[in-house]
């Protein structure tokens, strides 16, 4: 199995999200790989680690999520692998509950998200987002 961490959905993934925006409640499992040192797209100098830069995005995003009816269900650092093998383990994960795919789409196209995303891009090497739903 090939694993490819990304920062944003591919065109095909966006089509899937847009296909059924009124999907009902979804949960996103987000697996994060942080850069050792933050690298800002605008070239600014920083002494921040990738995780520290990401926290400048993550903490204010709690209010943005709330505005769109979403909430963090669980966040944790990843400390080890019990079953299976991967070349590199992710650093942390979060599970976020959204009322629908449309809420996710609205949130990620909001000005608040776009403004905070500079810290997300500076801190993340990449991530996987896995959509789940309760049957």
N, C-alpha and C. Protein backbone atom coordinates (compact mmCIF):
# COMPACT_ATOMS: atom_id res chain seq x y z
N UNK A 1 0.84 -1.18 0.00
CA UNK A 1 0.00 0.00 0.00
C UNK A 1 0.89 1.24 0.00
N UNK A 2 0.60 2.14 -0.91
CA UNK A 2 1.32 3.40 -0.96
C UNK A 2 0.54 4.43 -0.15
N UNK A 3 1.26 5.22 0.64
CA UNK A 3 0.64 6.28 1.44
C UNK A 3 1.24 7.60 1.00
N UNK A 4 0.39 8.56 0.68
CA UNK A 4 0.85 9.86 0.22
C UNK A 4 0.17 10.95 1.05
N UNK A 5 0.95 11.60 1.90
CA UNK A 5 0.43 12.72 2.69
C UNK A 5 0.31 13.94 1.79
N UNK A 6 -0.76 14.70 1.95
CA UNK A 6 -1.00 15.91 1.16
C UNK A 6 -1.45 17.03 2.09
N UNK A 7 -1.50 18.25 1.55
CA UNK A 7 -2.03 19.37 2.32
C UNK A 7 -3.47 19.71 1.95
N UNK A 8 -3.87 19.39 0.71
CA UNK A 8 -5.21 19.71 0.24
C UNK A 8 -5.77 18.55 -0.58
N UNK A 9 -7.10 18.45 -0.68
CA UNK A 9 -7.71 17.36 -1.46
C UNK A 9 -7.37 17.47 -2.96
N UNK A 10 -7.30 16.32 -3.61
CA UNK A 10 -7.14 16.29 -5.06
C UNK A 10 -8.46 16.71 -5.71
N UNK A 11 -8.44 16.92 -7.01
CA UNK A 11 -9.68 17.26 -7.74
C UNK A 11 -10.72 16.15 -7.59
N UNK A 12 -10.28 14.90 -7.67
CA UNK A 12 -11.20 13.77 -7.53
C UNK A 12 -11.81 13.73 -6.13
N UNK A 13 -11.01 14.03 -5.13
CA UNK A 13 -11.52 14.04 -3.76
C UNK A 13 -12.51 15.19 -3.56
N UNK A 14 -12.24 16.33 -4.18
CA UNK A 14 -13.19 17.46 -4.09
C UNK A 14 -14.50 17.12 -4.79
N UNK A 15 -14.43 16.42 -5.92
CA UNK A 15 -15.66 15.99 -6.61
C UNK A 15 -16.49 15.09 -5.71
N UNK A 16 -15.83 14.18 -5.00
CA UNK A 16 -16.54 13.28 -4.08
C UNK A 16 -17.22 14.08 -2.97
N UNK A 17 -16.51 15.05 -2.40
CA UNK A 17 -17.11 15.88 -1.34
C UNK A 17 -18.32 16.65 -1.86
N UNK A 18 -18.20 17.19 -3.06
CA UNK A 18 -19.28 17.98 -3.64
C UNK A 18 -20.44 17.13 -4.15
N UNK A 19 -20.20 15.83 -4.35
CA UNK A 19 -21.23 14.94 -4.90
C UNK A 19 -22.43 14.82 -3.98
N UNK A 20 -22.20 14.70 -2.69
CA UNK A 20 -23.28 14.55 -1.72
C UNK A 20 -23.03 15.46 -0.52
N UNK A 21 -23.15 16.78 -0.73
CA UNK A 21 -22.82 17.71 0.35
C UNK A 21 -23.73 17.60 1.57
N UNK A 22 -24.96 17.12 1.37
CA UNK A 22 -25.89 16.96 2.49
C UNK A 22 -25.86 15.53 3.01
N UNK A 23 -24.67 15.04 3.23
CA UNK A 23 -24.41 13.65 3.59
C UNK A 23 -24.91 13.28 4.98
N UNK A 24 -25.20 14.26 5.78
CA UNK A 24 -25.44 13.99 7.19
C UNK A 24 -24.11 14.04 7.92
N UNK A 25 -24.14 13.76 9.21
CA UNK A 25 -22.96 13.88 10.06
C UNK A 25 -21.81 13.01 9.57
N UNK A 26 -20.61 13.61 9.54
CA UNK A 26 -19.39 12.87 9.21
C UNK A 26 -18.34 13.18 10.28
N UNK A 27 -17.41 12.27 10.39
CA UNK A 27 -16.24 12.47 11.25
C UNK A 27 -15.01 12.39 10.36
N UNK A 28 -14.06 13.29 10.56
CA UNK A 28 -12.81 13.22 9.83
C UNK A 28 -11.70 12.83 10.79
N UNK A 29 -11.00 11.76 10.45
CA UNK A 29 -9.78 11.37 11.15
C UNK A 29 -8.64 12.03 10.38
N UNK A 30 -7.94 12.94 11.03
CA UNK A 30 -6.84 13.68 10.42
C UNK A 30 -5.53 13.17 11.01
N UNK A 31 -4.66 12.61 10.18
CA UNK A 31 -3.35 12.15 10.61
C UNK A 31 -2.31 13.16 10.15
N UNK A 32 -1.51 13.69 11.07
CA UNK A 32 -0.58 14.79 10.77
C UNK A 32 0.88 14.36 10.80
N UNK A 33 1.65 14.86 9.83
CA UNK A 33 3.12 14.80 9.84
C UNK A 33 3.58 16.24 9.89
N UNK A 34 4.32 16.59 10.95
CA UNK A 34 4.81 17.96 11.10
C UNK A 34 6.22 18.09 10.52
N UNK A 35 6.51 19.26 10.01
CA UNK A 35 7.88 19.57 9.60
C UNK A 35 8.72 19.73 10.86
N UNK A 36 10.01 19.42 10.77
CA UNK A 36 10.86 19.66 11.94
C UNK A 36 10.92 21.14 12.25
N UNK A 37 11.11 21.96 11.23
CA UNK A 37 11.15 23.42 11.38
C UNK A 37 10.09 24.01 10.46
N UNK A 38 9.31 24.94 10.99
CA UNK A 38 8.26 25.58 10.19
C UNK A 38 8.89 26.32 9.01
N UNK A 39 8.22 26.25 7.87
CA UNK A 39 8.64 26.97 6.67
C UNK A 39 7.41 27.70 6.14
N UNK A 40 7.43 29.04 6.24
CA UNK A 40 6.29 29.83 5.80
C UNK A 40 6.36 30.10 4.30
N UNK A 41 5.21 29.99 3.62
CA UNK A 41 5.18 30.20 2.17
C UNK A 41 5.58 31.63 1.76
N UNK A 42 5.43 32.60 2.68
CA UNK A 42 5.80 33.97 2.34
C UNK A 42 7.28 34.26 2.63
N UNK A 43 8.03 33.23 3.08
CA UNK A 43 9.47 33.37 3.27
C UNK A 43 9.89 33.99 4.59
N UNK A 44 8.95 34.27 5.48
CA UNK A 44 9.32 34.89 6.76
C UNK A 44 10.24 33.99 7.57
N UNK A 45 11.12 34.61 8.33
CA UNK A 45 12.02 33.86 9.21
C UNK A 45 11.26 33.45 10.45
N UNK A 46 11.55 32.24 10.94
CA UNK A 46 10.89 31.76 12.15
C UNK A 46 11.77 30.74 12.86
N UNK A 47 11.64 30.69 14.17
CA UNK A 47 12.32 29.67 14.97
C UNK A 47 11.34 28.59 15.40
N UNK A 48 10.10 28.66 14.90
CA UNK A 48 9.07 27.71 15.30
C UNK A 48 9.32 26.33 14.72
N UNK A 49 8.94 25.31 15.49
CA UNK A 49 8.88 23.96 14.93
C UNK A 49 7.62 23.87 14.08
N UNK A 50 7.50 22.81 13.30
CA UNK A 50 6.29 22.60 12.53
C UNK A 50 5.07 22.47 13.42
N UNK A 51 5.22 21.74 14.52
CA UNK A 51 4.10 21.56 15.45
C UNK A 51 3.68 22.90 16.07
N UNK A 52 4.64 23.73 16.43
CA UNK A 52 4.32 25.04 17.01
C UNK A 52 3.59 25.93 16.01
N UNK A 53 4.02 25.91 14.75
CA UNK A 53 3.33 26.69 13.72
C UNK A 53 1.91 26.16 13.53
N UNK A 54 1.77 24.84 13.49
CA UNK A 54 0.44 24.25 13.32
C UNK A 54 -0.48 24.64 14.47
N UNK A 55 0.04 24.73 15.69
CA UNK A 55 -0.78 25.13 16.84
C UNK A 55 -1.30 26.56 16.69
N UNK A 56 -0.56 27.43 15.97
CA UNK A 56 -1.05 28.78 15.69
C UNK A 56 -2.27 28.76 14.77
N UNK A 57 -2.41 27.68 14.02
CA UNK A 57 -3.59 27.44 13.19
C UNK A 57 -4.66 26.72 14.01
N UNK A 58 -4.27 25.66 14.68
CA UNK A 58 -5.22 24.76 15.33
C UNK A 58 -6.03 25.38 16.46
N UNK A 59 -5.38 26.12 17.32
CA UNK A 59 -6.11 26.68 18.48
C UNK A 59 -7.20 27.67 18.05
N UNK A 60 -6.90 28.64 17.18
CA UNK A 60 -7.98 29.55 16.74
C UNK A 60 -9.04 28.86 15.88
N UNK A 61 -8.68 27.72 15.25
CA UNK A 61 -9.65 26.99 14.43
C UNK A 61 -10.79 26.41 15.26
N UNK A 62 -10.60 26.24 16.56
CA UNK A 62 -11.68 25.73 17.40
C UNK A 62 -12.91 26.63 17.31
N UNK A 63 -12.71 27.95 17.29
CA UNK A 63 -13.82 28.90 17.17
C UNK A 63 -14.43 28.85 15.77
N UNK A 64 -13.59 28.68 14.76
CA UNK A 64 -14.08 28.59 13.38
C UNK A 64 -14.93 27.32 13.22
N UNK A 65 -14.44 26.20 13.73
CA UNK A 65 -15.21 24.96 13.66
C UNK A 65 -16.57 25.13 14.31
N UNK A 66 -16.59 25.76 15.48
CA UNK A 66 -17.85 25.97 16.20
C UNK A 66 -18.84 26.77 15.36
N UNK A 67 -18.35 27.75 14.65
CA UNK A 67 -19.19 28.59 13.78
C UNK A 67 -19.91 27.76 12.71
N UNK A 68 -19.29 26.65 12.29
CA UNK A 68 -19.87 25.80 11.25
C UNK A 68 -20.49 24.53 11.81
N UNK A 69 -20.71 24.52 13.12
CA UNK A 69 -21.37 23.38 13.76
C UNK A 69 -20.49 22.16 13.92
N UNK A 70 -19.18 22.34 13.78
CA UNK A 70 -18.24 21.23 13.90
C UNK A 70 -17.54 21.30 15.25
N UNK A 71 -16.97 20.16 15.66
CA UNK A 71 -16.26 20.15 16.93
C UNK A 71 -15.19 19.08 16.94
N UNK A 72 -14.12 19.36 17.69
CA UNK A 72 -13.07 18.37 17.89
C UNK A 72 -13.58 17.33 18.88
N UNK A 73 -13.52 16.08 18.47
CA UNK A 73 -13.95 14.97 19.32
C UNK A 73 -12.77 14.47 20.15
N UNK A 74 -11.58 14.40 19.52
CA UNK A 74 -10.41 13.87 20.22
C UNK A 74 -9.15 14.32 19.49
N UNK A 75 -8.10 14.66 20.25
CA UNK A 75 -6.79 15.02 19.70
C UNK A 75 -5.72 14.33 20.53
N UNK A 76 -4.68 13.82 19.88
CA UNK A 76 -3.61 13.17 20.62
C UNK A 76 -2.34 13.10 19.77
N UNK A 77 -1.20 13.08 20.46
CA UNK A 77 0.04 12.73 19.80
C UNK A 77 0.02 11.23 19.53
N UNK A 78 0.69 10.80 18.49
CA UNK A 78 0.81 9.37 18.19
C UNK A 78 2.15 8.91 18.79
N UNK A 79 2.08 7.85 19.57
CA UNK A 79 3.26 7.41 20.32
C UNK A 79 3.85 6.09 19.84
N UNK A 80 3.15 5.36 19.03
CA UNK A 80 3.71 4.09 18.56
C UNK A 80 2.71 3.32 17.73
N UNK A 81 3.19 2.26 17.13
CA UNK A 81 2.38 1.40 16.27
C UNK A 81 2.30 0.02 16.92
N UNK A 82 1.10 -0.49 17.11
CA UNK A 82 0.90 -1.78 17.77
C UNK A 82 0.73 -2.91 16.77
N UNK A 83 -0.01 -2.67 15.68
CA UNK A 83 -0.22 -3.69 14.65
C UNK A 83 0.06 -3.06 13.29
N UNK A 84 0.72 -3.82 12.43
CA UNK A 84 0.99 -3.35 11.07
C UNK A 84 2.33 -2.64 10.97
N UNK A 85 2.60 -2.15 9.77
CA UNK A 85 3.85 -1.45 9.51
C UNK A 85 3.61 -0.30 8.53
N UNK A 86 4.28 0.79 8.78
CA UNK A 86 4.34 1.92 7.85
C UNK A 86 5.78 2.41 7.84
N UNK A 87 6.19 3.02 6.74
CA UNK A 87 7.57 3.52 6.67
C UNK A 87 7.82 4.60 7.72
N UNK A 88 6.87 5.52 7.84
CA UNK A 88 6.98 6.60 8.82
C UNK A 88 5.64 6.78 9.51
N UNK A 89 5.68 6.87 10.81
CA UNK A 89 4.47 7.07 11.59
C UNK A 89 4.07 8.54 11.59
N UNK A 90 2.80 8.84 11.67
CA UNK A 90 2.35 10.22 11.79
C UNK A 90 2.68 10.73 13.18
N UNK A 91 2.63 12.04 13.36
CA UNK A 91 3.01 12.65 14.64
C UNK A 91 1.84 12.83 15.58
N UNK A 92 0.67 13.12 15.04
CA UNK A 92 -0.51 13.40 15.86
C UNK A 92 -1.75 13.14 15.03
N UNK A 93 -2.90 13.11 15.71
CA UNK A 93 -4.16 12.99 14.99
C UNK A 93 -5.26 13.74 15.73
N UNK A 94 -6.30 14.05 14.97
CA UNK A 94 -7.49 14.67 15.54
C UNK A 94 -8.70 14.06 14.84
N UNK A 95 -9.78 13.90 15.59
CA UNK A 95 -11.07 13.51 15.00
C UNK A 95 -11.99 14.71 15.15
N UNK A 96 -12.54 15.16 14.03
CA UNK A 96 -13.44 16.31 14.01
C UNK A 96 -14.79 15.87 13.47
N UNK A 97 -15.84 16.23 14.19
CA UNK A 97 -17.22 15.92 13.78
C UNK A 97 -17.82 17.13 13.07
N UNK A 98 -18.37 16.89 11.88
CA UNK A 98 -19.04 17.93 11.09
C UNK A 98 -20.50 17.52 10.91
N UNK A 99 -21.42 18.48 10.89
CA UNK A 99 -22.82 18.14 10.66
C UNK A 99 -23.09 17.58 9.27
N UNK A 100 -22.20 17.91 8.31
CA UNK A 100 -22.35 17.42 6.93
C UNK A 100 -21.08 17.76 6.15
N UNK A 101 -20.97 17.18 4.96
CA UNK A 101 -19.87 17.56 4.07
C UNK A 101 -19.97 19.03 3.70
N UNK A 102 -21.21 19.53 3.56
CA UNK A 102 -21.39 20.93 3.21
C UNK A 102 -20.78 21.85 4.26
N UNK A 103 -20.95 21.50 5.54
CA UNK A 103 -20.34 22.30 6.61
C UNK A 103 -18.82 22.31 6.47
N UNK A 104 -18.24 21.16 6.13
CA UNK A 104 -16.79 21.08 5.90
C UNK A 104 -16.38 21.96 4.72
N UNK A 105 -17.13 21.87 3.63
CA UNK A 105 -16.83 22.69 2.45
C UNK A 105 -16.96 24.18 2.75
N UNK A 106 -18.00 24.56 3.48
CA UNK A 106 -18.20 25.97 3.84
C UNK A 106 -17.06 26.46 4.72
N UNK A 107 -16.66 25.65 5.71
CA UNK A 107 -15.60 26.03 6.62
C UNK A 107 -14.28 26.21 5.88
N UNK A 108 -13.94 25.25 5.01
CA UNK A 108 -12.65 25.32 4.32
C UNK A 108 -12.61 26.39 3.23
N UNK A 109 -13.74 26.94 2.87
CA UNK A 109 -13.74 28.05 1.91
C UNK A 109 -13.93 29.41 2.61
N UNK A 110 -14.01 29.40 3.93
CA UNK A 110 -14.22 30.65 4.68
C UNK A 110 -12.94 31.49 4.74
N UNK A 111 -13.12 32.77 4.93
CA UNK A 111 -11.99 33.70 5.05
C UNK A 111 -11.17 33.39 6.30
N UNK A 112 -11.82 32.97 7.38
CA UNK A 112 -11.09 32.64 8.61
C UNK A 112 -10.13 31.48 8.36
N UNK A 113 -10.62 30.44 7.70
CA UNK A 113 -9.78 29.28 7.39
C UNK A 113 -8.61 29.70 6.51
N UNK A 114 -8.90 30.46 5.47
CA UNK A 114 -7.85 30.89 4.54
C UNK A 114 -6.78 31.72 5.25
N UNK A 115 -7.20 32.61 6.15
CA UNK A 115 -6.24 33.46 6.86
C UNK A 115 -5.35 32.64 7.79
N UNK A 116 -5.92 31.65 8.46
CA UNK A 116 -5.14 30.83 9.40
C UNK A 116 -4.29 29.77 8.70
N UNK A 117 -4.64 29.43 7.47
CA UNK A 117 -3.97 28.34 6.77
C UNK A 117 -2.48 28.56 6.52
N UNK A 118 -2.02 29.80 6.60
CA UNK A 118 -0.58 30.05 6.42
C UNK A 118 0.23 29.30 7.48
N UNK A 119 -0.31 29.21 8.70
CA UNK A 119 0.37 28.49 9.78
C UNK A 119 0.26 26.97 9.55
N UNK A 120 -0.87 26.54 9.04
CA UNK A 120 -1.07 25.11 8.72
C UNK A 120 -0.05 24.67 7.67
N UNK A 121 0.08 25.46 6.60
CA UNK A 121 1.02 25.14 5.54
C UNK A 121 2.47 25.21 6.02
N UNK A 122 2.76 26.14 6.92
CA UNK A 122 4.12 26.27 7.45
C UNK A 122 4.51 25.08 8.31
N UNK A 123 3.53 24.53 9.03
CA UNK A 123 3.83 23.48 10.00
C UNK A 123 3.69 22.06 9.51
N UNK A 124 2.80 21.83 8.55
CA UNK A 124 2.54 20.45 8.12
C UNK A 124 3.41 20.03 6.95
N UNK A 125 4.00 18.87 7.11
CA UNK A 125 4.66 18.21 5.98
C UNK A 125 3.57 17.61 5.09
N UNK A 126 2.51 17.13 5.72
CA UNK A 126 1.38 16.57 5.00
C UNK A 126 0.45 15.88 5.97
N UNK A 127 -0.68 15.43 5.46
CA UNK A 127 -1.65 14.76 6.31
C UNK A 127 -2.52 13.83 5.47
N UNK A 128 -3.20 12.95 6.16
CA UNK A 128 -4.26 12.14 5.57
C UNK A 128 -5.55 12.54 6.28
N UNK A 129 -6.62 12.70 5.54
CA UNK A 129 -7.95 12.92 6.10
C UNK A 129 -8.80 11.73 5.68
N UNK A 130 -9.32 11.03 6.66
CA UNK A 130 -10.15 9.86 6.39
C UNK A 130 -11.56 10.17 6.86
N UNK A 131 -12.51 10.16 5.93
CA UNK A 131 -13.91 10.43 6.28
C UNK A 131 -14.54 9.17 6.84
N UNK A 132 -15.26 9.31 7.93
CA UNK A 132 -15.99 8.20 8.52
C UNK A 132 -17.41 8.65 8.85
N UNK A 133 -18.30 7.69 8.97
CA UNK A 133 -19.65 8.00 9.41
C UNK A 133 -20.16 6.85 10.26
N UNK A 134 -21.05 7.15 11.16
CA UNK A 134 -21.62 6.13 12.03
C UNK A 134 -22.83 5.55 11.32
N UNK A 135 -22.87 4.22 11.13
CA UNK A 135 -23.99 3.61 10.39
C UNK A 135 -25.31 3.74 11.14
